[in-house]
């Protein structure tokens, strides 16, 4: 799978200039998803995506959602 190595190699913060409160917000949301909606990570793991990569992917989606919602 071509996409996974690129996702692993790419830094989590590439191209994103955020404020400290945005970083905290992303982590808070990620933690809530892990706690309240673990099925999201279970699905990603069922597709063979390792947990660290799944967390990075969900973190990016959260960050983009927050950016686009402004």
N, C-alpha and C. Protein backbone atom coordinates (compact mmCIF):
# COMPACT_ATOMS: atom_id res chain seq x y z
N UNK A 1 0.86 -1.18 0.00
CA UNK A 1 0.00 0.00 0.00
C UNK A 1 0.90 1.24 0.00
N UNK A 2 0.77 2.06 -0.98
CA UNK A 2 1.62 3.23 -1.17
C UNK A 2 1.37 4.32 -0.13
N UNK A 3 0.15 4.50 0.32
CA UNK A 3 -0.21 5.62 1.17
C UNK A 3 0.39 5.52 2.58
N UNK A 4 0.46 4.34 3.13
CA UNK A 4 0.88 4.21 4.52
C UNK A 4 2.31 4.70 4.78
N UNK A 5 3.32 4.31 3.97
CA UNK A 5 4.66 4.82 4.24
C UNK A 5 4.72 6.35 4.20
N UNK A 6 3.99 6.96 3.28
CA UNK A 6 3.99 8.42 3.21
C UNK A 6 3.39 9.00 4.48
N UNK A 7 2.36 8.39 5.00
CA UNK A 7 1.71 8.88 6.21
C UNK A 7 2.62 8.71 7.42
N UNK A 8 3.34 7.62 7.47
CA UNK A 8 4.24 7.37 8.59
C UNK A 8 5.43 8.33 8.53
N UNK A 9 5.98 8.55 7.34
CA UNK A 9 7.16 9.38 7.19
C UNK A 9 6.88 10.86 7.40
N UNK A 10 5.70 11.28 7.11
CA UNK A 10 5.37 12.70 7.17
C UNK A 10 5.18 13.14 8.61
N UNK A 11 5.75 14.27 8.95
CA UNK A 11 5.61 14.81 10.30
C UNK A 11 4.16 15.23 10.53
N UNK A 12 3.69 15.01 11.73
CA UNK A 12 2.30 15.31 12.08
C UNK A 12 1.96 16.79 11.97
N UNK A 13 2.94 17.64 12.08
CA UNK A 13 2.69 19.08 12.08
C UNK A 13 3.05 19.74 10.75
N UNK A 14 3.40 18.97 9.72
CA UNK A 14 3.82 19.55 8.45
C UNK A 14 2.79 20.52 7.89
N UNK A 15 3.24 21.71 7.59
CA UNK A 15 2.40 22.67 6.90
C UNK A 15 1.27 23.25 7.73
N UNK A 16 1.31 23.07 9.01
CA UNK A 16 0.20 23.57 9.83
C UNK A 16 0.76 24.45 10.92
N UNK A 17 0.41 25.70 10.84
CA UNK A 17 0.85 26.65 11.86
C UNK A 17 -0.32 26.91 12.78
N UNK A 18 -0.29 26.30 13.93
CA UNK A 18 -1.41 26.44 14.85
C UNK A 18 -0.96 27.10 16.14
N UNK A 19 -1.93 27.50 16.89
CA UNK A 19 -1.66 28.08 18.20
C UNK A 19 -1.68 26.97 19.24
N UNK A 20 -1.15 27.27 20.40
CA UNK A 20 -1.09 26.28 21.47
C UNK A 20 -2.49 25.78 21.84
N UNK A 21 -3.47 26.69 21.89
CA UNK A 21 -4.83 26.25 22.26
C UNK A 21 -5.43 25.34 21.19
N UNK A 22 -5.03 25.53 19.92
CA UNK A 22 -5.49 24.62 18.87
C UNK A 22 -4.92 23.23 19.08
N UNK A 23 -3.63 23.17 19.45
CA UNK A 23 -2.99 21.88 19.70
C UNK A 23 -3.68 21.14 20.84
N UNK A 24 -3.98 21.88 21.90
CA UNK A 24 -4.66 21.29 23.06
C UNK A 24 -6.04 20.81 22.64
N UNK A 25 -6.74 21.61 21.86
CA UNK A 25 -8.08 21.26 21.40
C UNK A 25 -8.05 19.97 20.57
N UNK A 26 -7.09 19.85 19.68
CA UNK A 26 -6.96 18.65 18.85
C UNK A 26 -6.74 17.43 19.73
N UNK A 27 -5.86 17.54 20.70
CA UNK A 27 -5.58 16.41 21.59
C UNK A 27 -6.79 16.06 22.45
N UNK A 28 -7.51 17.07 22.92
CA UNK A 28 -8.72 16.81 23.72
C UNK A 28 -9.76 16.06 22.89
N UNK A 29 -9.96 16.51 21.66
CA UNK A 29 -10.94 15.86 20.79
C UNK A 29 -10.50 14.43 20.48
N UNK A 30 -9.22 14.25 20.17
CA UNK A 30 -8.69 12.92 19.89
C UNK A 30 -8.92 11.99 21.08
N UNK A 31 -8.63 12.46 22.27
CA UNK A 31 -8.83 11.65 23.47
C UNK A 31 -10.30 11.30 23.68
N UNK A 32 -11.19 12.24 23.40
CA UNK A 32 -12.63 11.97 23.53
C UNK A 32 -13.08 10.92 22.52
N UNK A 33 -12.56 11.01 21.29
CA UNK A 33 -12.92 10.02 20.27
C UNK A 33 -12.42 8.64 20.70
N UNK A 34 -11.18 8.57 21.20
CA UNK A 34 -10.64 7.28 21.65
C UNK A 34 -11.49 6.69 22.78
N UNK A 35 -11.95 7.55 23.68
CA UNK A 35 -12.72 7.08 24.83
C UNK A 35 -14.17 6.76 24.47
N UNK A 36 -14.82 7.66 23.73
CA UNK A 36 -16.26 7.54 23.48
C UNK A 36 -16.63 6.84 22.18
N UNK A 37 -15.72 6.79 21.23
CA UNK A 37 -16.00 6.18 19.93
C UNK A 37 -14.86 5.26 19.50
N UNK A 38 -14.53 4.28 20.31
CA UNK A 38 -13.38 3.42 19.99
C UNK A 38 -13.58 2.61 18.71
N UNK A 39 -14.81 2.50 18.25
CA UNK A 39 -15.07 1.73 17.03
C UNK A 39 -14.38 2.36 15.82
N UNK A 40 -14.14 3.66 15.84
CA UNK A 40 -13.43 4.31 14.74
C UNK A 40 -12.03 3.72 14.62
N UNK A 41 -11.35 3.62 15.74
CA UNK A 41 -10.00 3.06 15.71
C UNK A 41 -10.04 1.56 15.46
N UNK A 42 -11.07 0.88 15.92
CA UNK A 42 -11.20 -0.56 15.67
C UNK A 42 -11.34 -0.83 14.17
N UNK A 43 -12.10 0.01 13.49
CA UNK A 43 -12.27 -0.14 12.04
C UNK A 43 -10.94 0.07 11.32
N UNK A 44 -10.23 1.13 11.70
CA UNK A 44 -8.94 1.41 11.06
C UNK A 44 -7.96 0.26 11.31
N UNK A 45 -7.96 -0.28 12.52
CA UNK A 45 -7.08 -1.41 12.83
C UNK A 45 -7.50 -2.66 12.06
N UNK A 46 -8.80 -2.84 11.84
CA UNK A 46 -9.28 -3.99 11.07
C UNK A 46 -8.78 -3.93 9.63
N UNK A 47 -8.51 -2.73 9.13
CA UNK A 47 -7.95 -2.56 7.79
C UNK A 47 -6.43 -2.62 7.80
N UNK A 48 -5.86 -2.97 8.94
CA UNK A 48 -4.42 -3.17 9.02
C UNK A 48 -3.62 -1.91 9.31
N UNK A 49 -4.29 -0.85 9.73
CA UNK A 49 -3.60 0.40 10.04
C UNK A 49 -3.16 0.34 11.50
N UNK A 50 -1.87 0.47 11.74
CA UNK A 50 -1.38 0.43 13.13
C UNK A 50 -1.95 1.60 13.94
N UNK A 51 -2.08 1.39 15.23
CA UNK A 51 -2.68 2.41 16.10
C UNK A 51 -1.97 3.77 16.02
N UNK A 52 -0.64 3.84 16.03
CA UNK A 52 -0.01 5.16 15.93
C UNK A 52 -0.36 5.89 14.63
N UNK A 53 -0.46 5.14 13.55
CA UNK A 53 -0.82 5.74 12.26
C UNK A 53 -2.29 6.16 12.28
N UNK A 54 -3.15 5.35 12.87
CA UNK A 54 -4.57 5.69 12.98
C UNK A 54 -4.76 6.96 13.80
N UNK A 55 -4.03 7.08 14.90
CA UNK A 55 -4.12 8.29 15.73
C UNK A 55 -3.66 9.51 14.95
N UNK A 56 -2.58 9.37 14.20
CA UNK A 56 -2.07 10.49 13.40
C UNK A 56 -3.08 10.89 12.33
N UNK A 57 -3.71 9.92 11.69
CA UNK A 57 -4.71 10.20 10.67
C UNK A 57 -5.91 10.92 11.26
N UNK A 58 -6.43 10.43 12.37
CA UNK A 58 -7.58 11.06 13.02
C UNK A 58 -7.21 12.46 13.51
N UNK A 59 -6.01 12.61 14.03
CA UNK A 59 -5.54 13.93 14.48
C UNK A 59 -5.53 14.92 13.31
N UNK A 60 -5.08 14.48 12.15
CA UNK A 60 -5.07 15.36 10.97
C UNK A 60 -6.48 15.74 10.55
N UNK A 61 -7.38 14.77 10.60
CA UNK A 61 -8.78 15.06 10.23
C UNK A 61 -9.37 16.08 11.20
N UNK A 62 -9.10 15.93 12.48
CA UNK A 62 -9.59 16.89 13.48
C UNK A 62 -9.02 18.27 13.19
N UNK A 63 -7.72 18.34 12.95
CA UNK A 63 -7.06 19.61 12.69
C UNK A 63 -7.65 20.30 11.47
N UNK A 64 -7.86 19.55 10.39
CA UNK A 64 -8.45 20.12 9.18
C UNK A 64 -9.88 20.59 9.43
N UNK A 65 -10.64 19.80 10.16
CA UNK A 65 -12.02 20.17 10.47
C UNK A 65 -12.07 21.47 11.26
N UNK A 66 -11.20 21.60 12.24
CA UNK A 66 -11.16 22.84 13.02
C UNK A 66 -10.74 24.02 12.15
N UNK A 67 -9.79 23.81 11.28
CA UNK A 67 -9.33 24.88 10.40
C UNK A 67 -10.43 25.32 9.45
N UNK A 68 -11.14 24.37 8.85
CA UNK A 68 -12.17 24.70 7.87
C UNK A 68 -13.45 25.23 8.52
N UNK A 69 -13.62 24.98 9.80
CA UNK A 69 -14.84 25.45 10.46
C UNK A 69 -14.76 26.92 10.85
N UNK A 70 -13.60 27.51 10.70
CA UNK A 70 -13.44 28.93 11.05
C UNK A 70 -13.87 29.82 9.93
